[in-house]
Every structure is written in structure tokens, then in C-alpha cells.
């Protein structure tokens, strides 16, 4: 609609977090600590996205006030979604191509004793001068109605060692005070992605 306006109506994945509920879209089969720390997975409602420029995009949504694919867990309240993405231009020098993203889910209800929560996410992907090597940073913050919060920092390093093999490293630190309370988190995950064969579909 209009100049680049897109609407999603129905059920869709959340706007916060570095990882998603779809396994094939993550670098690791095991999901991050941040993903499991009271992070929303799905929403039911409407999400409007607009590409302001080639480098800047924004999304705003109004959804059912749950943090999962359950659409009527705790009443008929409304949660609000917001996300912003920006890619830095080549004119800024060595930071050109850096991708910045921010997402927020405001007023979602977990259906637990923590009641409503606000989720904030900041993501940064920085191009590195080494061929095949990439780095991404993720910061997940959950503010609970009770006054406690969760804050987890994630570092993702990926190296394409060959045409068919990629080595992935994830390191997380922080504290979790939601469904469980854990301080001094230090998690390390190592994974290897190996392409056994290339599937090619041909049409006659």
C-alpha cells in the first residue's frame, strides 16, 4: 500500500530478539538464554511496516496482550509493538554497512506472577575486515511490572571456514529475574554448520 507500506494481519513472530522460534533461521539449534528469558515469540494483531529510505525502516503494531501464540490467555488487553532498523552508509568509513536495530514490546501479559512486562531489544551487526568473519551484538532487557528486570548481553561470532562449513560462537552474560532468577550468567555455545549437499530445483 502506498510507497512501501506493508501490513501483517493475523499471527506473526515478535519484533524483539536476535533469535526466532523458527529453528532454521538461527545459527544454533539450541536457542540463547535471552530467547528463553521471558522473550515473546508470537503476536496476534496488526503490524504496519514502512521503509522510510533505503537504509531506514520502521514498524508499529497493536496486538493481543500475550507473549506467545496463545491468543486469549489473560483477557482482552492490548500490547504495542515498535521496531526500527537502520544501515549505516558507506560514507561513514569503516562503520559503513553496520546494521542497527531496536525493538520494543510494551504491555504484554505473561500470564504468570510477574504479570505485564516490557521487552526491549538492541541489535548491532558490524562488518569485519576479515573475509568470512562476522560479528553481531544483542542486548535484551525485560522490565516487569513488579519492578525487577532481566538484562542479557549476547555476542555472536561467525566464520565461514570453507564454502560448505561455518563455525559459530555465542557468548552471553547478564542476569535473569523473570520465570527464574539467575545472576552472573555466563553461557558459551559453539556450533558447526556443514552443508552436506546443495539442493537444486529445475523447472522444465
C-alpha atoms as a PDB file:
ATOM      1  CA  UNK A   1       0.000   0.000   0.000  1.00  0.00           C
ATOM      2  CA  UNK A   2       1.298   3.451  -0.815  1.00  0.00           C
ATOM      3  CA  UNK A   3       5.046   3.947  -1.035  1.00  0.00           C
ATOM      4  CA  UNK A   4       6.355   0.791   0.625  1.00  0.00           C
ATOM      5  CA  UNK A   5       3.737   0.333   3.368  1.00  0.00           C
ATOM      6  CA  UNK A   6       3.223  -3.323   4.318  1.00  0.00           C
ATOM      7  CA  UNK A   7       0.576  -4.720   6.663  1.00  0.00           C
ATOM      8  CA  UNK A   8       0.605  -8.013   8.542  1.00  0.00           C
ATOM      9  CA  UNK A   9      -2.769  -9.024   9.947  1.00  0.00           C
ATOM     10  CA  UNK A  10      -3.124 -12.206  11.999  1.00  0.00           C
ATOM     11  CA  UNK A  11      -0.402 -14.089  13.837  1.00  0.00           C
ATOM     12  CA  UNK A  12       3.274 -13.297  13.300  1.00  0.00           C
ATOM     13  CA  UNK A  13       6.624 -13.567  15.080  1.00  0.00           C
ATOM     14  CA  UNK A  14       7.788 -10.905  17.508  1.00  0.00           C
ATOM     15  CA  UNK A  15       9.871  -7.793  16.740  1.00  0.00           C
ATOM     16  CA  UNK A  16      12.400  -8.279  19.568  1.00  0.00           C
ATOM     17  CA  UNK A  17      15.342 -10.642  19.955  1.00  0.00           C
ATOM     18  CA  UNK A  18      18.296 -11.894  17.944  1.00  0.00           C
ATOM     19  CA  UNK A  19      16.821 -15.379  17.579  1.00  0.00           C
ATOM     20  CA  UNK A  20      13.449 -16.689  16.490  1.00  0.00           C
ATOM     21  CA  UNK A  21      11.187 -19.630  17.210  1.00  0.00           C
ATOM     22  CA  UNK A  22      11.927 -20.959  13.691  1.00  0.00           C
ATOM     23  CA  UNK A  23      14.927 -23.255  14.116  1.00  0.00           C
ATOM     24  CA  UNK A  24      16.110 -22.929  10.515  1.00  0.00           C
ATOM     25  CA  UNK A  25      16.550 -19.152  10.912  1.00  0.00           C
ATOM     26  CA  UNK A  26      19.025 -19.430  13.812  1.00  0.00           C
ATOM     27  CA  UNK A  27      22.755 -20.100  13.717  1.00  0.00           C
ATOM     28  CA  UNK A  28      22.390 -22.573  16.613  1.00  0.00           C
ATOM     29  CA  UNK A  29      19.952 -25.416  17.218  1.00  0.00           C
ATOM     30  CA  UNK A  30      19.896 -24.590  20.949  1.00  0.00           C
ATOM     31  CA  UNK A  31      18.407 -21.152  21.481  1.00  0.00           C
ATOM     32  CA  UNK A  32      20.025 -18.393  23.503  1.00  0.00           C
ATOM     33  CA  UNK A  33      19.473 -17.675  27.183  1.00  0.00           C
ATOM     34  CA  UNK A  34      17.890 -14.366  26.145  1.00  0.00           C
ATOM     35  CA  UNK A  35      15.339 -16.174  23.971  1.00  0.00           C
ATOM     36  CA  UNK A  36      14.219 -18.269  26.933  1.00  0.00           C
ATOM     37  CA  UNK A  37      14.226 -15.358  29.403  1.00  0.00           C
ATOM     38  CA  UNK A  38      10.566 -14.305  29.040  1.00  0.00           C
ATOM     39  CA  UNK A  39      11.029 -13.136  25.457  1.00  0.00           C
ATOM     40  CA  UNK A  40       7.830 -13.038  23.348  1.00  0.00           C
ATOM     41  CA  UNK A  41       7.576 -15.459  20.440  1.00  0.00           C
ATOM     42  CA  UNK A  42       4.323 -14.632  18.586  1.00  0.00           C
ATOM     43  CA  UNK A  43       1.678 -11.931  18.485  1.00  0.00           C
ATOM     44  CA  UNK A  44      -1.844 -11.792  17.109  1.00  0.00           C
ATOM     45  CA  UNK A  45      -2.971  -8.448  15.723  1.00  0.00           C
ATOM     46  CA  UNK A  46      -1.761  -5.970  13.116  1.00  0.00           C
ATOM     47  CA  UNK A  47       1.758  -4.779  12.256  1.00  0.00           C
ATOM     48  CA  UNK A  48       2.414  -1.907   9.844  1.00  0.00           C
ATOM     49  CA  UNK A  49       5.916  -1.549   8.357  1.00  0.00           C
ATOM     50  CA  UNK A  50       7.223   1.307   6.248  1.00  0.00           C
ATOM     51  CA  UNK A  51      10.593   1.772   4.553  1.00  0.00           C
ATOM     52  CA  UNK A  52      11.314   5.483   5.043  1.00  0.00           C
ATOM     53  CA  UNK A  53      14.520   5.335   2.977  1.00  0.00           C
ATOM     54  CA  UNK A  54      16.696   2.577   1.518  1.00  0.00           C
ATOM     55  CA  UNK A  55      18.531   2.477   4.860  1.00  0.00           C
ATOM     56  CA  UNK A  56      15.790   3.244   7.407  1.00  0.00           C
ATOM     57  CA  UNK A  57      12.676   1.204   8.194  1.00  0.00           C
ATOM     58  CA  UNK A  58      10.070   1.404  10.958  1.00  0.00           C
ATOM     59  CA  UNK A  59       7.250  -0.865  12.184  1.00  0.00           C
ATOM     60  CA  UNK A  60       4.341  -0.208  14.562  1.00  0.00           C
ATOM     61  CA  UNK A  61       1.850  -2.794  15.790  1.00  0.00           C
ATOM     62  CA  UNK A  62      -1.203  -3.329  18.003  1.00  0.00           C
ATOM     63  CA  UNK A  63      -1.642  -6.896  19.238  1.00  0.00           C
ATOM     64  CA  UNK A  64      -3.271  -9.169  21.779  1.00  0.00           C
ATOM     65  CA  UNK A  65      -1.551  -8.742  25.158  1.00  0.00           C
ATOM     66  CA  UNK A  66       0.183 -12.136  25.290  1.00  0.00           C
ATOM     67  CA  UNK A  67       3.778 -13.218  24.708  1.00  0.00           C
ATOM     68  CA  UNK A  68       3.061 -16.446  22.803  1.00  0.00           C
ATOM     69  CA  UNK A  69       0.778 -17.942  20.177  1.00  0.00           C
ATOM     70  CA  UNK A  70      -1.973 -18.220  22.817  1.00  0.00           C
ATOM     71  CA  UNK A  71      -4.431 -15.531  21.766  1.00  0.00           C
ATOM     72  CA  UNK A  72      -6.673 -15.290  24.831  1.00  0.00           C
ATOM     73  CA  UNK A  73      -4.506 -16.170  27.813  1.00  0.00           C
ATOM     74  CA  UNK A  74      -5.421 -13.303  30.126  1.00  0.00           C
ATOM     75  CA  UNK A  75      -8.229 -11.096  28.956  1.00  0.00           C
ATOM     76  CA  UNK A  76      -8.574  -8.772  26.016  1.00  0.00           C
ATOM     77  CA  UNK A  77      -5.918  -6.128  26.633  1.00  0.00           C
ATOM     78  CA  UNK A  78      -3.611  -4.676  24.013  1.00  0.00           C
ATOM     79  CA  UNK A  79       0.175  -4.707  23.710  1.00  0.00           C
ATOM     80  CA  UNK A  80       2.119  -2.366  21.452  1.00  0.00           C
ATOM     81  CA  UNK A  81       4.994  -3.168  19.108  1.00  0.00           C
ATOM     82  CA  UNK A  82       7.684  -0.888  17.723  1.00  0.00           C
ATOM     83  CA  UNK A  83      10.819  -1.599  15.736  1.00  0.00           C
ATOM     84  CA  UNK A  84      13.404   0.487  13.918  1.00  0.00           C
ATOM     85  CA  UNK A  85      16.179  -0.672  11.582  1.00  0.00           C
ATOM     86  CA  UNK A  86      18.986   1.374  10.073  1.00  0.00           C
ATOM     87  CA  UNK A  87      22.000   0.525   7.908  1.00  0.00           C
ATOM     88  CA  UNK A  88      24.885   2.991   8.082  1.00  0.00           C
ATOM     89  CA  UNK A  89      26.015   4.304   4.666  1.00  0.00           C
ATOM     90  CA  UNK A  90      29.490   3.735   3.217  1.00  0.00           C
ATOM     91  CA  UNK A  91      30.212   7.461   3.666  1.00  0.00           C
ATOM     92  CA  UNK A  92      30.858   6.926   7.407  1.00  0.00           C
ATOM     93  CA  UNK A  93      34.019   4.974   6.671  1.00  0.00           C
ATOM     94  CA  UNK A  94      34.867   1.638   8.278  1.00  0.00           C
ATOM     95  CA  UNK A  95      31.460   1.561  10.008  1.00  0.00           C
ATOM     96  CA  UNK A  96      29.669   1.617   6.658  1.00  0.00           C
ATOM     97  CA  UNK A  97      27.300  -1.320   6.334  1.00  0.00           C
ATOM     98  CA  UNK A  98      26.788  -1.625  10.093  1.00  0.00           C
ATOM     99  CA  UNK A  99      23.190  -2.658  10.796  1.00  0.00           C
ATOM    100  CA  UNK A 100      21.402  -1.216  13.842  1.00  0.00           C
ATOM    101  CA  UNK A 101      18.035  -2.457  15.073  1.00  0.00           C
ATOM    102  CA  UNK A 102      15.799  -1.639  18.010  1.00  0.00           C
ATOM    103  CA  UNK A 103      12.591  -3.364  19.025  1.00  0.00           C
ATOM    104  CA  UNK A 104      10.077  -2.961  21.846  1.00  0.00           C
ATOM    105  CA  UNK A 105       7.017  -4.864  23.041  1.00  0.00           C
ATOM    106  CA  UNK A 106       5.048  -2.761  25.529  1.00  0.00           C
ATOM    107  CA  UNK A 107       2.476  -4.149  27.953  1.00  0.00           C
ATOM    108  CA  UNK A 108       2.460  -7.850  27.068  1.00  0.00           C
ATOM    109  CA  UNK A 109       0.976 -10.218  29.677  1.00  0.00           C
ATOM    110  CA  UNK A 110       2.877 -13.390  30.516  1.00  0.00           C
ATOM    111  CA  UNK A 111       0.044 -14.985  32.474  1.00  0.00           C
ATOM    112  CA  UNK A 112       2.413 -15.525  35.433  1.00  0.00           C
ATOM    113  CA  UNK A 113       3.030 -13.876  38.772  1.00  0.00           C
ATOM    114  CA  UNK A 114       5.244 -11.300  37.060  1.00  0.00           C
ATOM    115  CA  UNK A 115       2.129 -10.022  35.243  1.00  0.00           C
ATOM    116  CA  UNK A 116       2.774  -7.436  32.487  1.00  0.00           C
ATOM    117  CA  UNK A 117       6.228  -6.848  31.064  1.00  0.00           C
ATOM    118  CA  UNK A 118       8.010  -4.604  28.578  1.00  0.00           C
ATOM    119  CA  UNK A 119      10.662  -6.095  26.282  1.00  0.00           C
ATOM    120  CA  UNK A 120      13.436  -4.019  24.723  1.00  0.00           C
ATOM    121  CA  UNK A 121      15.984  -5.256  22.212  1.00  0.00           C
ATOM    122  CA  UNK A 122      19.054  -3.621  20.669  1.00  0.00           C
ATOM    123  CA  UNK A 123      20.977  -5.360  17.898  1.00  0.00           C
ATOM    124  CA  UNK A 124      24.175  -4.360  16.093  1.00  0.00           C
ATOM    125  CA  UNK A 125      25.835  -6.224  13.201  1.00  0.00           C
ATOM    126  CA  UNK A 126      29.310  -4.949  12.338  1.00  0.00           C
ATOM    127  CA  UNK A 127      31.166  -5.874   9.124  1.00  0.00           C
ATOM    128  CA  UNK A 128      34.704  -7.077   9.859  1.00  0.00           C
ATOM    129  CA  UNK A 129      37.784  -6.664   7.651  1.00  0.00           C
ATOM    130  CA  UNK A 130      38.450 -10.428   7.682  1.00  0.00           C
ATOM    131  CA  UNK A 131      36.740 -12.261   4.815  1.00  0.00           C
ATOM    132  CA  UNK A 132      34.124 -14.717   6.025  1.00  0.00           C
ATOM    133  CA  UNK A 133      34.088 -13.342   9.587  1.00  0.00           C
ATOM    134  CA  UNK A 134      31.062 -11.503  11.024  1.00  0.00           C
ATOM    135  CA  UNK A 135      30.109 -10.196  14.478  1.00  0.00           C
ATOM    136  CA  UNK A 136      26.748  -9.283  15.993  1.00  0.00           C
ATOM    137  CA  UNK A 137      25.793  -7.882  19.388  1.00  0.00           C
ATOM    138  CA  UNK A 138      22.411  -8.340  21.060  1.00  0.00           C
ATOM    139  CA  UNK A 139      21.079  -6.709  24.239  1.00  0.00           C
ATOM    140  CA  UNK A 140      17.782  -7.957  25.652  1.00  0.00           C
ATOM    141  CA  UNK A 141      16.094  -6.136  28.549  1.00  0.00           C
ATOM    142  CA  UNK A 142      12.832  -7.194  30.212  1.00  0.00           C
ATOM    143  CA  UNK A 143      11.117  -4.805  32.646  1.00  0.00           C
ATOM    144  CA  UNK A 144       8.474  -6.435  34.854  1.00  0.00           C
ATOM    145  CA  UNK A 145       5.516  -4.757  36.492  1.00  0.00           C
ATOM    146  CA  UNK A 146       6.874  -5.912  39.863  1.00  0.00           C
ATOM    147  CA  UNK A 147       9.950  -3.684  39.439  1.00  0.00           C
ATOM    148  CA  UNK A 148      12.521  -6.420  38.766  1.00  0.00           C
ATOM    149  CA  UNK A 149      14.217  -6.793  35.405  1.00  0.00           C
ATOM    150  CA  UNK A 150      16.259  -9.068  33.166  1.00  0.00           C
ATOM    151  CA  UNK A 151      19.301  -7.877  31.218  1.00  0.00           C
ATOM    152  CA  UNK A 152      21.307 -10.202  28.954  1.00  0.00           C
ATOM    153  CA  UNK A 153      24.139  -9.290  26.581  1.00  0.00           C
ATOM    154  CA  UNK A 154      24.848 -11.606  23.667  1.00  0.00           C
ATOM    155  CA  UNK A 155      27.883 -11.764  21.377  1.00  0.00           C
ATOM    156  CA  UNK A 156      27.700 -13.733  18.115  1.00  0.00           C
ATOM    157  CA  UNK A 157      30.773 -14.555  16.029  1.00  0.00           C
ATOM    158  CA  UNK A 158      30.520 -16.454  12.749  1.00  0.00           C
ATOM    159  CA  UNK A 159      33.319 -17.608  10.454  1.00  0.00           C
ATOM    160  CA  UNK A 160      32.829 -19.199   7.025  1.00  0.00           C
ATOM    161  CA  UNK A 161      35.845 -21.518   7.091  1.00  0.00           C
ATOM    162  CA  UNK A 162      35.032 -23.084   3.701  1.00  0.00           C
ATOM    163  CA  UNK A 163      32.308 -22.892   1.087  1.00  0.00           C
ATOM    164  CA  UNK A 164      30.327 -25.551   2.979  1.00  0.00           C
ATOM    165  CA  UNK A 165      31.324 -25.115   6.629  1.00  0.00           C
ATOM    166  CA  UNK A 166      30.611 -22.234   9.036  1.00  0.00           C
ATOM    167  CA  UNK A 167      31.787 -22.061  12.660  1.00  0.00           C
ATOM    168  CA  UNK A 168      29.513 -20.160  15.080  1.00  0.00           C
ATOM    169  CA  UNK A 169      30.225 -18.891  18.587  1.00  0.00           C
ATOM    170  CA  UNK A 170      27.735 -17.376  21.054  1.00  0.00           C
ATOM    171  CA  UNK A 171      28.663 -15.868  24.433  1.00  0.00           C
ATOM    172  CA  UNK A 172      26.083 -14.429  26.843  1.00  0.00           C
ATOM    173  CA  UNK A 173      26.355 -12.591  30.147  1.00  0.00           C
ATOM    174  CA  UNK A 174      23.895 -10.839  32.447  1.00  0.00           C
ATOM    175  CA  UNK A 175      21.102 -11.597  34.902  1.00  0.00           C
ATOM    176  CA  UNK A 176      17.640 -13.148  34.651  1.00  0.00           C
ATOM    177  CA  UNK A 177      14.838 -12.274  37.084  1.00  0.00           C
ATOM    178  CA  UNK A 178      11.691 -13.485  35.360  1.00  0.00           C
ATOM    179  CA  UNK A 179      10.326 -17.028  35.375  1.00  0.00           C
ATOM    180  CA  UNK A 180      13.572 -17.956  37.164  1.00  0.00           C
ATOM    181  CA  UNK A 181      16.148 -15.807  38.988  1.00  0.00           C
ATOM    182  CA  UNK A 182      19.787 -16.235  37.912  1.00  0.00           C
ATOM    183  CA  UNK A 183      22.592 -13.736  38.477  1.00  0.00           C
ATOM    184  CA  UNK A 184      26.058 -13.761  36.910  1.00  0.00           C
ATOM    185  CA  UNK A 185      25.072 -15.592  33.716  1.00  0.00           C
ATOM    186  CA  UNK A 186      27.985 -16.751  31.567  1.00  0.00           C
ATOM    187  CA  UNK A 187      26.937 -19.040  28.721  1.00  0.00           C
ATOM    188  CA  UNK A 188      29.119 -20.226  25.846  1.00  0.00           C
ATOM    189  CA  UNK A 189      27.875 -22.121  22.793  1.00  0.00           C
ATOM    190  CA  UNK A 190      29.879 -23.442  19.843  1.00  0.00           C
ATOM    191  CA  UNK A 191      28.296 -24.839  16.695  1.00  0.00           C
ATOM    192  CA  UNK A 192      29.340 -26.003  13.248  1.00  0.00           C
ATOM    193  CA  UNK A 193      27.081 -25.626  10.226  1.00  0.00           C
ATOM    194  CA  UNK A 194      28.053 -28.039   7.450  1.00  0.00           C
ATOM    195  CA  UNK A 195      26.297 -28.226   4.106  1.00  0.00           C
ATOM    196  CA  UNK A 196      26.200 -31.881   3.056  1.00  0.00           C
ATOM    197  CA  UNK A 197      24.849 -31.159  -0.421  1.00  0.00           C
ATOM    198  CA  UNK A 198      23.252 -28.412  -2.430  1.00  0.00           C
ATOM    199  CA  UNK A 199      19.638 -28.908  -3.440  1.00  0.00           C
ATOM    200  CA  UNK A 200      18.782 -27.573  -6.866  1.00  0.00           C
ATOM    201  CA  UNK A 201      15.246 -27.461  -8.273  1.00  0.00           C
ATOM    202  CA  UNK A 202      14.891 -27.306 -12.037  1.00  0.00           C
ATOM    203  CA  UNK A 203      11.752 -26.484 -13.956  1.00  0.00           C
ATOM    204  CA  UNK A 204      11.088 -27.838 -17.421  1.00  0.00           C
END
